[in-house]
Protein backbone atom coordinates (compact mmCIF):
# COMPACT_ATOMS: atom_id res chain seq x y z
CA MET A 1 -95.22 65.55 -139.00
CA GLU A 2 -98.80 64.86 -139.93
CA ASN A 3 -101.44 67.46 -140.72
CA SER A 4 -104.27 65.63 -139.05
CA SER A 5 -106.56 66.77 -136.31
CA PRO A 6 -105.92 64.94 -133.02
CA ASN A 7 -109.68 64.95 -132.33
CA HIS A 8 -110.57 63.05 -135.51
CA THR A 9 -110.96 59.31 -135.11
CA GLU A 10 -112.43 56.75 -137.46
CA ASP A 11 -113.96 53.49 -136.41
CA PRO A 12 -112.05 50.69 -138.20
CA ASN A 13 -115.07 48.39 -137.85
CA LYS A 14 -117.40 50.80 -139.68
CA PRO A 15 -117.91 49.88 -143.36
CA THR A 16 -116.70 52.37 -145.96
CA HIS A 17 -119.02 54.23 -148.31
CA PRO A 18 -119.40 52.90 -151.85
CA VAL A 19 -118.20 55.05 -154.75
CA GLU A 20 -120.65 57.91 -155.32
CA THR A 21 -122.69 57.80 -158.52
CA ASN A 22 -125.69 59.98 -157.58
CA TYR A 23 -124.41 62.94 -155.58
CA GLY A 24 -127.75 64.77 -155.52
CA ALA A 25 -129.44 61.93 -153.64
CA HIS A 26 -126.70 61.68 -151.00
CA GLN A 27 -125.62 65.29 -150.42
CA SER A 28 -125.80 65.02 -146.65
CA ASP A 29 -123.44 61.98 -146.49
CA PRO A 30 -121.65 61.51 -149.83
CA GLY A 31 -119.25 58.71 -150.60
CA PRO A 32 -115.95 59.10 -152.41
CA GLY A 33 -115.98 60.21 -156.03
CA PRO A 34 -114.90 57.88 -158.82
CA THR A 35 -111.22 57.90 -159.71
CA VAL A 36 -109.96 59.23 -163.01
CA ASN A 37 -107.43 57.08 -164.80
CA GLU A 38 -105.53 59.10 -167.36
CA PRO A 39 -102.61 57.78 -169.37
CA ASP A 40 -99.27 59.40 -168.64
CA ASN A 41 -97.79 59.12 -172.10
CA LYS A 42 -97.00 62.82 -172.55
CA GLY A 43 -95.60 63.64 -169.14
CA ALA A 44 -93.06 66.22 -168.13
CA GLY A 45 -90.32 63.59 -168.06
CA GLN A 46 -90.00 63.69 -171.84
CA ALA A 47 -89.35 67.44 -171.77
CA MET A 48 -87.09 67.34 -168.71
CA LYS A 49 -84.90 64.76 -170.40
CA TRP A 50 -83.86 67.48 -172.87
CA ILE A 51 -84.25 70.69 -170.87
CA ILE A 52 -82.00 69.77 -167.92
CA PRO A 53 -78.88 68.75 -169.93
CA ILE A 54 -79.20 71.80 -172.20
CA ALA A 55 -79.57 74.10 -169.17
CA VAL A 56 -76.51 72.53 -167.51
CA ILE A 57 -74.42 73.00 -170.66
CA ILE A 58 -75.51 76.65 -170.99
CA LEU A 59 -74.70 77.32 -167.33
CA LEU A 60 -71.28 75.68 -167.67
CA ILE A 61 -70.50 77.82 -170.72
CA LEU A 62 -71.55 80.97 -168.85
CA TRP A 63 -69.46 79.96 -165.84
CA PHE A 64 -66.37 79.36 -167.98
CA ILE A 65 -66.81 82.70 -169.77
CA PHE A 66 -67.71 85.04 -166.90
CA PHE A 67 -66.94 83.53 -163.50
CA ARG A 68 -63.79 81.43 -163.85
CA LYS A 69 -60.73 83.06 -162.39
CA ASP A 70 -57.61 83.09 -164.51
CA ILE A 71 -54.77 81.08 -163.07
């Protein structure tokens, strides 16, 4: 399901706006802003690699201690 207005249409033949460098001069019809390229060398993946296995081990220990039924 898309979250787009059914009344909105764009002309594919219309040229796109260039990247905006002077917003004050084009406030009435601005172009897209420049993109920001940031390195992803300290992402959450490094932390999740350690947090998830430790959490699973802790939960397994708790399950074996408190919730396992004796046979």
